[in-house]
């Protein structure tokens, strides 16, 4: 087994609380997977969101790893949530969505914050966690040439050494431009058992993934090589939904076009576009997109658990 994981920013600041189970696993060099909390508070409907949050953590455990859901609760940035804290994030009306630039402000105000991909990756790396599971990355928005609208996920992943297991980027984004930014920022990209880059609801975004891996052990080997060569940026591991679980591309394109038109007509812009379009997808597909969203997150959590176990030197378990 490898040496115990240590934070690259040790000692940890008092404002960061690491749950005992997570801290013990990190000290022992065991497998830990970070999980974001925005999907719980803003991405899934109540009351199912709390149940699904527990299922996501269970998927990590089934693979042999310890889940560490990350959020700000009553002003404290927490790495690993107990049942009470998880329920707060899932049910409280004053939980705000926090990226890296917001997390300290919410903490200082004593508020509740659900972490995005960016802030989850930042806090996970601060605690020494190497693997993170989410649904889809943020990226470059359509029309960004005029609006400069680009997710902070990208620039944050350009500076933190963490592996992010995802289903590509949300298909409502400019996928080609996002892939260009990943390259510019030196963010590594692997297609998991695919040569194609997935598009969240779609198994194939229409773009190549570049590099392909076919096992958790291969991903772990890449991560070890990146450490040895001192590559400081993140590694994106893109796992597509199976074709029979993804949305039909024709339905997807029609719903997206309708949603973009509706957003423009309603004057929706900036960070409000993504939740508006996701809600539109859920309504227009009679819940099919929501079911796909849940399936892909559960699959990514399981794969992340397997990768974390392989990285720790333990035997992987099929999730």
Protein backbone atom coordinates (compact mmCIF):
# COMPACT_ATOMS: atom_id res chain seq x y z
CA UNK A 1 0.00 0.00 0.00
CA UNK A 2 1.19 3.51 -0.72
CA UNK A 3 2.22 5.97 1.94
CA UNK A 4 -0.60 7.87 3.67
CA UNK A 5 -1.96 10.79 1.72
CA UNK A 6 -0.97 14.21 3.06
CA UNK A 7 -2.49 17.54 2.16
CA UNK A 8 -0.34 19.58 -0.19
CA UNK A 9 -1.33 22.57 1.93
CA UNK A 10 -0.69 21.06 5.40
CA UNK A 11 -1.41 21.95 8.09
CA UNK A 12 -5.09 22.29 7.30
CA UNK A 13 -6.72 25.61 8.20
CA UNK A 14 -9.07 25.60 11.21
CA UNK A 15 -11.91 26.72 8.93
CA UNK A 16 -11.82 23.32 7.20
CA UNK A 17 -13.42 20.42 9.06
CA UNK A 18 -12.62 16.88 7.90
CA UNK A 19 -14.99 14.18 9.15
CA UNK A 20 -13.36 11.55 11.35
CA UNK A 21 -14.02 8.71 8.89
CA UNK A 22 -12.48 10.68 6.04
CA UNK A 23 -9.51 11.84 8.12
CA UNK A 24 -8.80 8.29 9.29
CA UNK A 25 -8.94 6.99 5.72
CA UNK A 26 -6.59 9.70 4.46
CA UNK A 27 -4.11 9.09 7.28
CA UNK A 28 -4.19 5.38 6.52
CA UNK A 29 -3.66 5.80 2.80
CA UNK A 30 -7.12 4.37 2.07
CA UNK A 31 -9.44 5.23 -0.80
CA UNK A 32 -11.50 8.42 -0.50
CA UNK A 33 -13.79 10.03 -3.10
CA UNK A 34 -14.91 13.65 -2.95
CA UNK A 35 -18.51 14.43 -3.93
CA UNK A 36 -20.02 17.81 -4.78
CA UNK A 37 -23.15 19.12 -3.09
CA UNK A 38 -24.66 21.47 -5.70
CA UNK A 39 -26.35 18.49 -7.31
CA UNK A 40 -28.05 17.81 -3.97
CA UNK A 41 -29.32 21.33 -3.32
CA UNK A 42 -29.83 22.68 -6.84
CA UNK A 43 -29.64 19.79 -9.30
CA UNK A 44 -32.21 17.30 -8.02
CA UNK A 45 -35.86 17.79 -7.02
CA UNK A 46 -37.01 17.50 -3.43
CA UNK A 47 -37.61 15.22 -1.61
CA UNK A 48 -35.78 12.72 -3.81
CA UNK A 49 -32.52 14.66 -3.60
CA UNK A 50 -31.69 13.47 -0.07
CA UNK A 51 -32.33 9.85 -0.94
CA UNK A 52 -30.23 10.11 -4.11
CA UNK A 53 -27.41 11.83 -2.20
CA UNK A 54 -27.26 8.81 0.08
CA UNK A 55 -27.33 6.49 -2.92
CA UNK A 56 -24.37 8.34 -4.44
CA UNK A 57 -22.40 7.86 -1.23
CA UNK A 58 -23.46 4.20 -1.19
CA UNK A 59 -22.09 3.74 -4.71
CA UNK A 60 -18.70 4.95 -3.51
CA UNK A 61 -18.81 2.59 -0.53
CA UNK A 62 -19.83 -0.34 -2.72
CA UNK A 63 -16.58 0.13 -4.63
CA UNK A 64 -14.58 -0.02 -1.39
CA UNK A 65 -13.94 3.69 -0.86
CA UNK A 66 -15.00 6.31 1.69
CA UNK A 67 -17.32 9.07 0.39
CA UNK A 68 -16.57 12.68 1.32
CA UNK A 69 -19.46 14.92 0.34
CA UNK A 70 -18.28 18.54 0.57
CA UNK A 71 -20.30 21.60 1.57
CA UNK A 72 -20.32 24.68 3.78
CA UNK A 73 -22.61 24.11 6.76
CA UNK A 74 -23.24 26.93 9.26
CA UNK A 75 -20.12 28.70 8.07
CA UNK A 76 -17.83 25.69 8.22
CA UNK A 77 -16.33 24.11 5.11
CA UNK A 78 -16.83 20.40 5.70
CA UNK A 79 -15.15 17.43 4.04
CA UNK A 80 -17.58 14.61 4.68
CA UNK A 81 -21.13 15.20 5.93
CA UNK A 82 -23.07 13.36 8.61
CA UNK A 83 -26.79 12.69 8.15
CA UNK A 84 -27.80 15.94 9.80
CA UNK A 85 -25.52 18.08 7.62
CA UNK A 86 -26.55 16.20 4.48
CA UNK A 87 -30.19 16.88 5.33
CA UNK A 88 -29.44 20.59 5.77
CA UNK A 89 -27.93 20.82 2.31
CA UNK A 90 -30.82 18.87 0.81
CA UNK A 91 -33.71 20.64 2.52
CA UNK A 92 -32.76 24.11 3.80
CA UNK A 93 -34.08 27.04 1.77
CA UNK A 94 -31.04 29.24 2.37
CA UNK A 95 -28.39 27.00 0.81
CA UNK A 96 -26.53 29.01 -1.83
CA UNK A 97 -24.47 27.69 -4.71
CA UNK A 98 -20.81 28.49 -4.04
CA UNK A 99 -17.84 28.44 -6.36
CA UNK A 100 -14.29 29.10 -5.18
CA UNK A 101 -14.73 32.86 -5.15
CA UNK A 102 -17.85 32.57 -2.96
CA UNK A 103 -16.89 29.90 -0.45
CA UNK A 104 -14.98 32.16 1.97
CA UNK A 105 -17.70 34.82 1.90
CA UNK A 106 -20.41 32.29 2.77
CA UNK A 107 -18.22 30.76 5.47
CA UNK A 108 -17.50 34.17 7.02
CA UNK A 109 -21.22 34.94 7.08
CA UNK A 110 -22.00 31.65 8.82
CA UNK A 111 -24.16 30.48 5.93
CA UNK A 112 -24.87 27.23 4.16
CA UNK A 113 -23.24 26.63 0.78
CA UNK A 114 -23.47 23.85 -1.79
CA UNK A 115 -20.15 23.40 -3.57
CA UNK A 116 -19.77 23.39 -7.34
CA UNK A 117 -17.23 21.31 -9.25
CA UNK A 118 -14.73 24.16 -8.81
CA UNK A 119 -15.10 24.66 -5.07
CA UNK A 120 -15.39 20.92 -4.41
CA UNK A 121 -12.15 20.30 -6.29
CA UNK A 122 -10.42 23.15 -4.45
CA UNK A 123 -11.49 21.96 -0.98
CA UNK A 124 -10.87 18.28 -1.76
CA UNK A 125 -7.34 19.02 -2.92
CA UNK A 126 -6.81 21.13 0.19
CA UNK A 127 -7.66 18.06 2.28
CA UNK A 128 -5.44 15.76 0.21
CA UNK A 129 -8.19 13.87 -1.65
CA UNK A 130 -7.12 12.70 -5.11
CA UNK A 131 -10.37 11.50 -6.72
CA UNK A 132 -13.66 13.34 -7.20
CA UNK A 133 -16.93 12.20 -8.77
CA UNK A 134 -19.54 14.46 -10.33
CA UNK A 135 -22.14 14.48 -13.10
CA UNK A 136 -20.91 16.83 -15.80
CA UNK A 137 -18.31 19.59 -15.85
CA UNK A 138 -19.06 23.21 -16.49
CA UNK A 139 -17.35 24.74 -19.47
CA UNK A 140 -17.51 27.39 -22.16
CA UNK A 141 -21.08 28.58 -22.77
CA UNK A 142 -22.57 28.99 -26.21
CA UNK A 143 -22.10 32.56 -27.34
CA UNK A 144 -19.07 33.03 -25.08
CA UNK A 145 -17.32 34.97 -27.85
CA UNK A 146 -19.65 37.83 -26.97
CA UNK A 147 -20.39 37.13 -23.29
CA UNK A 148 -17.07 35.67 -22.05
CA UNK A 149 -19.21 33.18 -20.11
CA UNK A 150 -16.97 30.36 -18.99
CA UNK A 151 -17.30 28.18 -15.92
CA UNK A 152 -14.78 28.56 -13.10
CA UNK A 153 -14.61 24.74 -13.15
CA UNK A 154 -12.07 24.97 -15.94
CA UNK A 155 -9.61 27.43 -14.42
CA UNK A 156 -9.82 25.69 -11.05
CA UNK A 157 -9.08 22.30 -12.58
CA UNK A 158 -6.14 23.98 -14.26
CA UNK A 159 -4.43 24.35 -10.88
CA UNK A 160 -5.52 21.45 -8.63
CA UNK A 161 -4.09 17.90 -8.78
CA UNK A 162 -7.27 15.85 -8.67
CA UNK A 163 -8.92 13.25 -10.88
CA UNK A 164 -12.50 14.15 -11.81
CA UNK A 165 -14.78 11.35 -12.96
CA UNK A 166 -17.63 12.82 -14.98
CA UNK A 167 -19.89 12.27 -17.99
CA UNK A 168 -18.06 14.91 -20.00
CA UNK A 169 -19.46 18.42 -20.05
CA UNK A 170 -23.10 19.36 -20.04
CA UNK A 171 -24.41 19.14 -23.57
CA UNK A 172 -25.97 22.60 -23.29
CA UNK A 173 -22.46 24.08 -23.50
CA UNK A 174 -20.08 24.75 -26.39
CA UNK A 175 -18.32 21.40 -26.25
CA UNK A 176 -15.69 22.15 -28.90
CA UNK A 177 -14.65 25.39 -27.18
CA UNK A 178 -14.57 23.63 -23.81
CA UNK A 179 -12.24 20.95 -25.15
CA UNK A 180 -9.95 23.66 -26.49
CA UNK A 181 -9.85 25.29 -23.05
CA UNK A 182 -9.06 21.95 -21.37
CA UNK A 183 -6.08 21.65 -23.69
CA UNK A 184 -4.94 25.23 -23.11
CA UNK A 185 -5.13 24.79 -19.33
CA UNK A 186 -3.16 21.49 -19.48
CA UNK A 187 -6.06 19.57 -17.96
CA UNK A 188 -5.62 15.89 -18.80
CA UNK A 189 -8.46 14.01 -20.50
CA UNK A 190 -9.15 10.30 -20.64
CA UNK A 191 -12.14 8.57 -22.19
CA UNK A 192 -13.18 5.65 -19.99
CA UNK A 193 -13.85 2.64 -22.22
CA UNK A 194 -14.59 5.00 -25.08
CA UNK A 195 -12.74 6.91 -27.79
CA UNK A 196 -15.45 9.58 -27.83
CA UNK A 197 -15.99 12.49 -25.46
CA UNK A 198 -19.39 12.10 -23.79
CA UNK A 199 -21.92 14.93 -23.65
CA UNK A 200 -23.68 14.37 -20.32
CA UNK A 201 -27.13 13.23 -21.49
CA UNK A 202 -25.49 12.00 -24.71
CA UNK A 203 -23.04 9.12 -24.94
CA UNK A 204 -21.16 10.94 -27.72
CA UNK A 205 -20.81 14.71 -27.88
CA UNK A 206 -19.54 14.47 -31.45
CA UNK A 207 -15.90 14.95 -30.42
CA UNK A 208 -13.00 12.60 -29.79
CA UNK A 209 -11.72 12.02 -26.26
CA UNK A 210 -8.09 11.77 -27.31
CA UNK A 211 -6.78 9.14 -24.88
CA UNK A 212 -8.59 5.98 -23.83
CA UNK A 213 -8.33 3.81 -20.72
CA UNK A 214 -10.24 0.64 -19.95
CA UNK A 215 -9.73 -0.05 -16.25
CA UNK A 216 -9.46 1.74 -12.90
CA UNK A 217 -5.89 0.46 -12.66
CA UNK A 218 -4.97 2.24 -15.87
CA UNK A 219 -6.35 5.51 -14.53
CA UNK A 220 -4.40 5.02 -11.29
CA UNK A 221 -1.22 4.40 -13.29
CA UNK A 222 -1.73 7.68 -15.15
CA UNK A 223 -2.24 9.51 -11.85
CA UNK A 224 0.96 8.03 -10.40
CA UNK A 225 2.89 9.03 -13.52
CA UNK A 226 1.50 12.57 -13.29
CA UNK A 227 2.68 12.75 -9.68
CA UNK A 228 6.12 11.48 -10.61
CA UNK A 229 6.39 14.05 -13.40
CA UNK A 230 4.96 16.81 -11.20
CA UNK A 231 2.00 17.59 -13.42
CA UNK A 232 -0.05 19.95 -11.22
CA UNK A 233 -3.32 20.13 -13.16
CA UNK A 234 -6.42 17.94 -12.89
CA UNK A 235 -7.17 14.80 -14.85
CA UNK A 236 -10.67 14.44 -16.30
CA UNK A 237 -11.94 10.87 -16.66
CA UNK A 238 -14.96 10.96 -18.95
CA UNK A 239 -17.36 8.03 -18.69
CA UNK A 240 -20.37 7.97 -21.02
CA UNK A 241 -23.79 6.58 -20.30
CA UNK A 242 -24.56 3.35 -22.21
CA UNK A 243 -26.44 4.10 -25.42
CA UNK A 244 -29.65 2.58 -24.05
CA UNK A 245 -29.56 4.88 -21.01
CA UNK A 246 -28.68 8.13 -22.79
CA UNK A 247 -31.18 10.54 -24.31
CA UNK A 248 -32.12 10.14 -27.94
CA UNK A 249 -29.93 12.66 -29.83
CA UNK A 250 -32.83 13.96 -31.91
CA UNK A 251 -34.96 14.58 -28.81
CA UNK A 252 -31.99 16.18 -27.08
CA UNK A 253 -31.32 18.61 -29.94
CA UNK A 254 -34.96 19.65 -30.21
CA UNK A 255 -35.34 20.21 -26.47
CA UNK A 256 -32.06 22.13 -26.30
CA UNK A 257 -33.07 24.45 -29.14
CA UNK A 258 -36.44 25.11 -27.49
CA UNK A 259 -34.78 25.71 -24.13
CA UNK A 260 -32.22 28.14 -25.52
CA UNK A 261 -35.00 30.13 -27.19
CA UNK A 262 -37.04 30.15 -23.98
CA UNK A 263 -34.04 31.33 -21.95
CA UNK A 264 -33.39 34.18 -24.35
CA UNK A 265 -37.05 35.20 -24.35
CA UNK A 266 -37.11 35.19 -20.54
CA UNK A 267 -33.91 37.22 -20.29
CA UNK A 268 -32.07 34.43 -18.47
CA UNK A 269 -28.30 34.96 -18.57
CA UNK A 270 -25.02 34.09 -16.85
CA UNK A 271 -24.99 31.49 -14.11
CA UNK A 272 -28.80 31.18 -14.29
CA UNK A 273 -28.73 29.68 -17.79
CA UNK A 274 -27.59 26.20 -16.78
CA UNK A 275 -30.21 25.54 -14.06
CA UNK A 276 -32.89 27.04 -16.35
CA UNK A 277 -31.97 24.70 -19.21
CA UNK A 278 -31.65 21.65 -16.97
CA UNK A 279 -35.11 22.32 -15.53
CA UNK A 280 -36.42 22.76 -19.09
CA UNK A 281 -34.92 19.40 -20.07
CA UNK A 282 -36.54 17.69 -17.09
CA UNK A 283 -39.96 19.10 -17.96
CA UNK A 284 -39.75 18.67 -21.73
CA UNK A 285 -38.55 15.06 -21.56
CA UNK A 286 -41.10 14.01 -18.91
CA UNK A 287 -38.28 13.28 -16.48
CA UNK A 288 -36.13 11.22 -18.87
CA UNK A 289 -33.23 13.67 -18.57
CA UNK A 290 -33.48 13.61 -14.77
CA UNK A 291 -33.35 9.81 -14.76
CA UNK A 292 -30.31 9.93 -17.04
CA UNK A 293 -28.71 12.49 -14.71
CA UNK A 294 -29.16 10.24 -11.69
CA UNK A 295 -27.84 7.18 -13.52
CA UNK A 296 -24.70 8.90 -14.73
CA UNK A 297 -23.89 10.33 -11.30
CA UNK A 298 -24.27 6.93 -9.66
CA UNK A 299 -22.08 5.33 -12.33
CA UNK A 300 -19.43 8.00 -11.94
CA UNK A 301 -19.41 7.63 -8.15
CA UNK A 302 -18.87 3.90 -8.50
CA UNK A 303 -16.05 4.32 -11.01
CA UNK A 304 -14.40 7.00 -8.87
CA UNK A 305 -14.49 4.60 -5.94
CA UNK A 306 -12.77 1.93 -8.01
CA UNK A 307 -10.10 4.38 -9.17
CA UNK A 308 -9.47 5.58 -5.60
CA UNK A 309 -9.09 1.99 -4.42
CA UNK A 310 -6.67 1.21 -7.27
CA UNK A 311 -4.69 4.36 -6.44
CA UNK A 312 -4.47 3.30 -2.78
CA UNK A 313 -3.07 -0.08 -3.78
CA UNK A 314 -6.12 -2.11 -2.84
CA UNK A 315 -8.09 -4.59 -5.01
CA UNK A 316 -10.87 -2.96 -7.02
CA UNK A 317 -14.47 -4.06 -6.63
CA UNK A 318 -16.93 -3.91 -9.51
CA UNK A 319 -19.43 -1.17 -8.65
